[in-house]
Protein backbone atom coordinates (compact mmCIF):
# COMPACT_ATOMS: atom_id res chain seq x y z
CA MET A 1 16.20 21.07 1.17
CA SER A 2 16.23 20.51 4.98
CA VAL A 3 14.43 18.47 8.14
CA VAL A 4 13.57 19.94 11.39
CA LYS A 5 12.69 18.49 13.88
CA GLU A 6 10.69 19.37 17.62
CA LYS A 7 8.59 18.64 20.29
CA PHE A 8 5.52 17.90 19.35
CA GLY A 9 3.49 16.30 22.67
CA THR A 10 3.45 13.70 25.13
CA THR A 11 1.54 10.36 24.98
CA LYS A 12 -0.76 8.94 27.53
CA CYS A 13 2.13 7.55 28.62
CA GLY A 14 4.63 9.43 28.47
CA LYS A 15 6.09 8.96 25.60
CA ASP A 16 8.10 12.06 24.08
CA VAL A 17 6.52 12.80 19.69
CA TYR A 18 7.96 14.77 17.81
CA VAL A 19 6.92 16.23 14.49
CA PHE A 20 9.43 16.18 11.08
CA THR A 21 9.62 19.34 8.68
CA LEU A 22 10.85 18.44 5.66
CA SER A 23 10.86 21.52 3.15
CA ASN A 24 12.43 22.08 -0.17
CA ALA A 25 13.37 25.32 -2.59
CA ASN A 26 10.11 25.78 -3.48
CA GLY A 27 8.25 26.52 -0.49
CA MET A 28 6.70 23.50 -0.15
CA THR A 29 6.64 21.64 3.82
CA ALA A 30 5.63 18.00 4.78
CA LYS A 31 4.99 17.98 8.22
CA VAL A 32 5.17 14.21 9.76
CA ILE A 33 4.83 12.82 13.19
CA ASN A 34 6.27 9.62 15.04
CA TYR A 35 2.84 8.82 16.34
CA GLY A 36 1.21 6.17 13.80
CA ALA A 37 4.12 7.87 11.50
CA ASN A 38 1.68 10.34 10.31
CA LEU A 39 1.26 12.82 7.74
CA ILE A 40 -0.30 16.14 9.34
CA SER A 41 0.34 18.88 6.81
CA LEU A 42 1.33 19.26 3.26
CA MET A 43 2.38 22.80 2.48
CA VAL A 44 1.44 23.14 -1.65
CA PRO A 45 1.95 26.37 -3.88
CA ASP A 46 -0.57 27.04 -6.17
CA LYS A 47 -0.58 28.24 -10.04
CA ALA A 48 0.16 31.89 -7.97
CA GLY A 49 2.28 30.41 -5.34
CA HIS A 50 0.62 31.11 -2.97
CA LEU A 51 0.88 27.80 -0.06
CA ASP A 52 -1.91 25.94 1.15
CA ASP A 53 -2.27 23.03 3.81
CA VAL A 54 -3.98 20.74 1.24
CA VAL A 55 -4.57 17.26 3.51
CA LEU A 56 -6.66 16.98 6.75
CA GLY A 57 -5.48 16.92 9.91
CA PHE A 58 -5.50 18.14 13.68
CA ASP A 59 -3.78 20.39 15.08
CA THR A 60 -2.53 18.33 18.52
CA LEU A 61 -1.74 15.23 18.96
CA GLU A 62 -4.64 14.78 21.35
CA GLY A 63 -6.34 14.88 17.78
CA TYR A 64 -5.31 11.43 16.55
CA TYR A 65 -5.97 9.32 19.84
CA ASP A 66 -9.34 8.96 18.58
CA ASN A 67 -8.93 9.72 14.50
CA GLY A 68 -11.74 7.45 13.33
CA SER A 69 -11.20 8.69 10.10
CA PHE A 70 -7.52 7.88 9.85
CA PHE A 71 -6.47 11.36 9.27
CA GLY A 72 -2.74 11.06 7.17
CA ALA A 73 -2.43 7.21 8.72
CA THR A 74 -0.08 4.42 8.29
CA ILE A 75 -2.34 2.07 8.00
CA GLY A 76 -0.53 -1.45 9.15
CA PRO A 77 -0.15 -4.12 9.09
CA SER A 78 -2.86 -4.86 6.91
CA ALA A 79 -5.18 -2.18 5.21
CA ASN A 80 -8.62 -2.16 4.12
CA ARG A 81 -10.78 -4.90 4.56
CA ILE A 82 -10.68 -8.49 5.69
CA ALA A 83 -14.21 -10.96 5.46
CA GLY A 84 -14.80 -12.52 8.75
CA ALA A 85 -11.90 -11.14 11.06
CA ARG A 86 -10.19 -14.32 10.16
CA PHE A 87 -7.72 -15.54 7.39
CA GLU A 88 -6.34 -19.18 7.18
CA ILE A 89 -2.07 -19.71 5.80
CA HIS A 90 -1.09 -22.89 5.05
CA GLY A 91 -4.06 -24.02 7.24
CA LYS A 92 -4.32 -22.22 10.36
CA GLU A 93 -7.23 -20.15 11.47
CA TYR A 94 -5.93 -16.81 12.20
CA HIS A 95 -8.89 -14.12 14.02
CA ILE A 96 -8.69 -10.85 14.28
CA ASP A 97 -10.37 -7.84 15.26
CA VAL A 98 -13.99 -7.61 14.39
CA ASN A 99 -14.75 -4.13 13.89
CA ASP A 100 -16.33 -3.29 10.75
CA GLY A 101 -19.56 -4.82 11.61
CA GLU A 102 -19.07 -8.71 11.32
CA ASN A 103 -15.75 -7.22 9.46
CA ASN A 104 -12.17 -6.17 10.06
CA LEU A 105 -10.81 -3.04 8.85
CA HIS A 106 -6.77 -0.88 9.13
CA SER A 107 -5.80 -4.35 11.63
CA HIS A 108 -7.18 -2.88 14.52
CA MET A 109 -8.12 0.48 16.04
CA ASP A 110 -6.58 0.99 18.71
CA GLU A 111 -3.53 -1.26 18.35
CA GLY A 112 -2.83 -0.40 14.82
CA TYR A 113 0.09 0.73 13.41
CA HIS A 114 -1.40 4.02 13.33
CA LYS A 115 -1.10 4.64 17.24
CA ARG A 116 2.11 4.01 17.35
CA VAL A 117 4.85 5.38 18.24
CA TRP A 118 7.46 4.78 16.30
CA ASP A 119 11.87 5.44 16.43
CA ALA A 120 12.25 7.80 13.75
CA ALA A 121 16.52 9.44 12.38
CA ALA A 122 16.30 12.45 9.83
CA GLY A 123 18.12 12.36 6.98
CA THR A 124 18.79 15.73 5.51
CA ASP A 125 15.69 15.63 2.74
CA SER A 126 13.96 12.17 4.43
CA VAL A 127 12.51 10.87 8.14
CA THR A 128 12.93 6.77 8.23
CA PHE A 129 10.70 5.83 10.63
CA THR A 130 10.65 1.63 11.96
CA LEU A 131 8.56 -0.44 14.42
CA GLU A 132 8.55 -3.99 15.38
CA GLY A 133 5.23 -6.18 15.20
CA ARG A 134 5.08 -8.82 17.95
CA ASP A 135 4.16 -12.34 16.60
CA GLY A 136 -0.06 -12.85 17.31
CA GLU A 137 -0.26 -9.01 18.12
CA MET A 138 -3.69 -7.96 16.73
CA GLY A 139 -4.19 -11.54 15.62
CA PHE A 140 -1.80 -11.28 12.56
CA PRO A 141 1.57 -14.26 13.02
CA GLY A 142 5.32 -13.12 13.03
CA ASN A 143 7.09 -11.12 14.24
CA LYS A 144 8.02 -8.29 12.18
CA LYS A 145 10.09 -5.20 11.00
CA ILE A 146 8.32 -2.30 9.83
CA THR A 147 10.48 0.68 8.05
CA VAL A 148 8.76 4.15 6.85
CA ILE A 149 10.65 6.10 4.99
CA TYR A 150 9.01 9.57 4.02
CA SER A 151 11.15 12.33 1.56
CA LEU A 152 10.81 15.38 -0.36
CA SER A 153 12.21 16.19 -3.68
CA GLN A 154 13.30 19.62 -5.38
CA ASP A 155 9.98 18.50 -7.81
CA ASN A 156 7.59 18.54 -5.15
CA GLU A 157 7.59 14.59 -5.23
CA LEU A 158 6.68 13.35 -1.34
CA LYS A 159 7.96 9.79 -1.58
CA LEU A 160 6.95 6.88 0.92
CA SER A 161 8.54 3.67 0.90
CA TYR A 162 7.71 0.45 2.74
CA HIS A 163 9.54 -2.22 4.14
CA ALA A 164 8.55 -5.02 6.48
CA ALA A 165 10.28 -9.03 7.37
CA SER A 166 9.37 -11.10 9.49
CA ASP A 167 10.50 -14.24 10.53
CA ALA A 168 6.59 -16.16 9.26
CA ASP A 169 4.39 -15.91 6.65
CA THR A 170 1.55 -13.79 7.40
CA ILE A 171 -0.21 -10.98 5.93
CA ILE A 172 1.19 -7.15 5.15
CA ASN A 173 -0.65 -5.00 3.35
CA MET A 174 -0.13 -1.43 4.32
CA THR A 175 -1.18 1.82 2.92
CA ASN A 176 -1.34 5.75 3.96
CA HIS A 177 -4.62 7.19 5.02
CA THR A 178 -4.00 10.89 3.96
CA TYR A 179 -7.41 12.53 3.12
CA PHE A 180 -5.77 15.22 -0.31
CA ASN A 181 -8.79 18.22 -1.08
CA LEU A 182 -6.09 20.67 -3.45
CA SER A 183 -8.33 23.73 -2.38
CA GLY A 184 -6.94 23.54 1.10
CA HIS A 185 -8.33 21.63 3.95
CA LYS A 186 -10.59 24.72 5.20
CA ALA A 187 -12.33 24.69 1.98
CA GLY A 188 -14.81 22.03 1.96
CA LYS A 189 -16.20 19.48 -0.60
CA ILE A 190 -14.53 17.65 -3.02
CA GLU A 191 -17.32 16.66 -5.52
CA ASP A 192 -15.62 19.71 -8.38
CA HIS A 193 -12.17 17.77 -8.04
CA LEU A 194 -11.31 15.95 -11.05
CA LEU A 195 -10.12 12.90 -11.62
CA ARG A 196 -8.44 10.34 -13.29
CA LEU A 197 -7.46 6.75 -12.94
CA ASN A 198 -5.41 4.48 -15.30
CA SER A 199 -7.44 1.69 -14.02
CA SER A 200 -9.96 -0.34 -16.89
CA CYS A 201 -11.42 -2.13 -13.50
CA TYR A 202 -11.95 -2.58 -10.07
CA THR A 203 -13.73 -5.23 -7.15
CA PRO A 204 -16.87 -4.90 -6.81
CA VAL A 205 -18.29 -5.30 -3.53
CA ALA A 206 -20.70 -6.83 -1.65
CA ALA A 207 -22.81 -5.72 1.71
CA GLY A 208 -19.99 -4.43 4.02
CA ALA A 209 -17.24 -3.15 1.76
CA ILE A 210 -16.36 -7.11 0.74
CA PRO A 211 -15.13 -7.91 -2.47
CA THR A 212 -16.91 -10.58 -4.54
CA GLY A 213 -14.28 -11.77 -5.88
CA GLU A 214 -15.13 -10.02 -9.34
CA ILE A 215 -12.77 -7.81 -11.90
CA ALA A 216 -14.98 -5.89 -13.37
CA PRO A 217 -14.74 -3.49 -16.13
CA VAL A 218 -15.76 -0.10 -15.35
CA ALA A 219 -17.00 1.40 -18.85
CA GLY A 220 -20.06 2.63 -19.26
CA THR A 221 -20.52 2.60 -15.44
CA PRO A 222 -19.92 5.91 -12.88
CA MET A 223 -16.55 4.03 -11.64
CA ASP A 224 -15.08 4.63 -15.83
CA PHE A 225 -12.55 7.46 -14.61
CA THR A 226 -10.74 6.31 -17.73
CA THR A 227 -10.49 9.85 -18.83
CA MET A 228 -10.38 13.04 -16.19
CA LYS A 229 -14.03 13.99 -14.49
CA PRO A 230 -15.53 15.91 -11.30
CA VAL A 231 -15.08 13.40 -8.72
CA GLY A 232 -18.94 14.39 -8.20
CA GLN A 233 -20.25 13.94 -11.38
CA ASP A 234 -21.62 10.56 -10.33
CA ILE A 235 -21.20 9.96 -7.22
CA ASN A 236 -24.90 9.71 -6.77
CA ALA A 237 -25.95 7.80 -9.40
CA ASP A 238 -28.78 4.98 -9.28
CA CYS A 239 -26.25 2.40 -8.96
CA GLU A 240 -26.05 0.02 -6.23
CA GLN A 241 -22.05 -0.03 -5.73
CA LEU A 242 -22.18 3.50 -4.93
CA LYS A 243 -25.32 2.72 -2.59
CA LEU A 244 -23.28 0.56 -0.74
CA THR A 245 -21.15 2.28 0.30
CA LYS A 246 -22.51 5.81 -0.02
CA GLY A 247 -20.06 7.19 -2.54
CA TYR A 248 -17.21 5.72 -4.30
CA ASP A 249 -15.12 3.36 -1.63
CA HIS A 250 -13.64 0.76 -3.85
CA ASN A 251 -10.46 -0.43 -4.97
CA PHE A 252 -9.25 -0.28 -9.15
CA VAL A 253 -7.33 -2.46 -10.36
CA ILE A 254 -4.09 -0.29 -11.91
CA ASP A 255 -4.04 -1.08 -15.42
CA ASN A 256 -0.54 -3.10 -16.97
CA ALA A 257 0.41 -3.17 -12.90
CA ASP A 258 3.99 -4.89 -13.12
CA GLY A 259 5.85 -4.82 -10.04
CA THR A 260 6.92 -1.35 -11.48
CA LEU A 261 6.88 2.86 -10.77
CA ARG A 262 4.34 3.65 -12.82
CA GLU A 263 1.77 6.62 -12.70
CA ILE A 264 -1.67 5.34 -11.89
CA ALA A 265 -3.91 8.62 -10.87
CA GLU A 266 -3.87 11.94 -11.37
CA VAL A 267 -5.90 14.82 -9.06
CA GLN A 268 -6.81 18.43 -10.48
CA ASP A 269 -8.04 21.50 -8.56
CA PRO A 270 -10.12 23.88 -10.91
CA LYS A 271 -10.08 26.35 -8.25
CA SER A 272 -6.20 26.23 -7.16
CA GLY A 273 -4.76 24.84 -10.57
CA ARG A 274 -2.97 22.56 -8.34
CA ARG A 275 -2.26 19.74 -9.38
CA MET A 276 -1.32 16.19 -7.45
CA LYS A 277 -0.28 12.62 -9.95
CA VAL A 278 0.27 9.35 -7.93
CA PHE A 279 2.81 6.66 -8.68
CA THR A 280 2.53 3.22 -7.23
CA ASP A 281 4.70 -0.12 -7.62
CA LEU A 282 1.58 -1.57 -5.91
CA PRO A 283 -1.40 -3.76 -8.16
CA GLY A 284 -4.18 -1.27 -6.67
CA VAL A 285 -5.59 1.64 -5.37
CA GLN A 286 -9.19 2.04 -3.09
CA PHE A 287 -10.17 5.75 -4.17
CA TYR A 288 -12.61 6.53 -1.08
CA ALA A 289 -14.44 9.76 -1.23
CA GLY A 290 -14.97 10.41 2.23
CA ASN A 291 -18.36 9.65 2.09
CA CYS A 292 -18.62 9.32 5.40
CA ILE A 293 -15.79 11.25 7.43
CA GLY A 294 -17.21 12.42 11.28
CA VAL A 295 -17.77 15.81 11.74
CA GLU A 296 -15.78 17.06 13.84
CA THR A 297 -13.17 20.22 14.35
CA GLY A 298 -9.78 19.15 12.09
CA LYS A 299 -6.92 21.90 11.73
CA GLU A 300 -7.25 26.12 12.55
CA GLY A 301 -10.84 24.88 14.28
CA VAL A 302 -12.29 24.22 11.03
CA GLU A 303 -15.47 22.11 10.62
CA TYR A 304 -14.83 18.54 8.55
CA GLY A 305 -17.39 16.37 6.75
CA PRO A 306 -18.40 14.17 4.11
CA ARG A 307 -16.61 14.31 1.20
CA LYS A 308 -14.30 17.43 2.37
CA GLY A 309 -11.19 15.11 2.02
CA LEU A 310 -10.17 12.05 -0.64
CA CYS A 311 -8.05 9.03 -0.63
CA LEU A 312 -5.92 7.47 -2.79
CA GLU A 313 -4.82 4.34 -1.03
CA THR A 314 -2.33 2.49 -2.44
CA GLN A 315 -2.48 -1.68 -1.38
CA TYR A 316 -2.99 -5.49 -2.61
CA TYR A 317 -6.77 -5.45 -3.59
CA PRO A 318 -8.73 -5.38 -0.09
CA ASP A 319 -9.36 -9.22 1.06
CA ASN A 320 -6.75 -10.61 -1.19
CA ILE A 321 -6.03 -14.03 0.94
CA HIS A 322 -10.13 -15.02 0.16
CA HIS A 323 -9.71 -14.83 -3.74
CA PRO A 324 -6.98 -16.54 -4.80
CA ASN A 325 -7.45 -14.68 -8.35
CA PHE A 326 -6.49 -11.12 -6.41
CA PRO A 327 -2.42 -10.53 -6.04
CA GLN A 328 -1.73 -12.00 -2.65
CA ALA A 329 -0.07 -10.11 0.21
CA VAL A 330 0.88 -12.62 2.42
CA PHE A 331 5.02 -12.05 2.83
CA GLY A 332 7.85 -14.09 5.17
CA PRO A 333 10.97 -15.63 5.21
CA GLY A 334 12.05 -15.22 1.57
CA ARG A 335 10.01 -13.01 0.77
CA ASP A 336 10.52 -9.26 2.24
CA TYR A 337 7.26 -6.94 1.87
CA ARG A 338 8.71 -3.93 -0.45
CA SER A 339 6.54 -0.50 -1.81
CA VAL A 340 6.77 2.72 -3.41
CA THR A 341 4.16 5.39 -3.63
CA VAL A 342 5.10 8.74 -5.14
CA TYR A 343 2.38 11.85 -4.93
CA GLN A 344 3.82 14.56 -6.91
CA PHE A 345 2.85 18.03 -6.56
CA VAL A 346 2.95 19.68 -10.66
């Protein structure tokens, strides 16, 4: 195992940004930068041992200044959507950035954690990123201390460990927004990837992709991934849920979630033979089929666009603050936020 630190660039305000390359004995490497604690490259062997970069991203720091699709991003303090860009805690109302219609998406497009320069420290097989958030920042209460650790094992497991402490009750619902294409980032659409989700229910949405509060069974609907099927098999079905989000962009309720680490998903690529299993201790996962990836130039001059990568964003359910029947992502004194997600390549 090794971790190598190199200069990646300098921000507009003069801060140095570094890339950390984690490597194991199998040739697998993960590159992460302290700008946004973003995962920018993941080299994984295929069935013949050939290495490909299986995540979407950019070759330079400048590409991440906009990053409207959130390639590789660490999202915080609150991932996904909050209805009306407002919420109450202990009877006090808070207003956050209106950036997705009338709602809030991923905290803030320009000030969210994916656009911050984190402190970073390399270990023998890991990189620890730390950040401090101020009370009132982006509209969220509480002074916060955030830690995200990326580690790579000899078993081809990329592990993301999160911890956050706040001196006031606040929303903390972090995730990683990496887009995977197991054929390689320049291979085109992911509709032929096979997906299984250990989720017999999901949270339906209304206009604006805001959950209705219902927890609905997937059985008998295009939302059913309880057995492995191609992502594209039903993605264009005559289904109101899919029409609302131009394809899959829904929170799936993880079966038997109890706060312990468990396998929640598997993705297979028939062409390369790569398989990725996902484990988490969180109660939900947002499956996003990349329906709205903007057409833009990514790594190696490749043109990215809709459905050329997929996300499995482990999380508390979106907009849980407005739905008491959902697991709540309110943390503060006496209740730190902790979570673990593992992407294992088999």
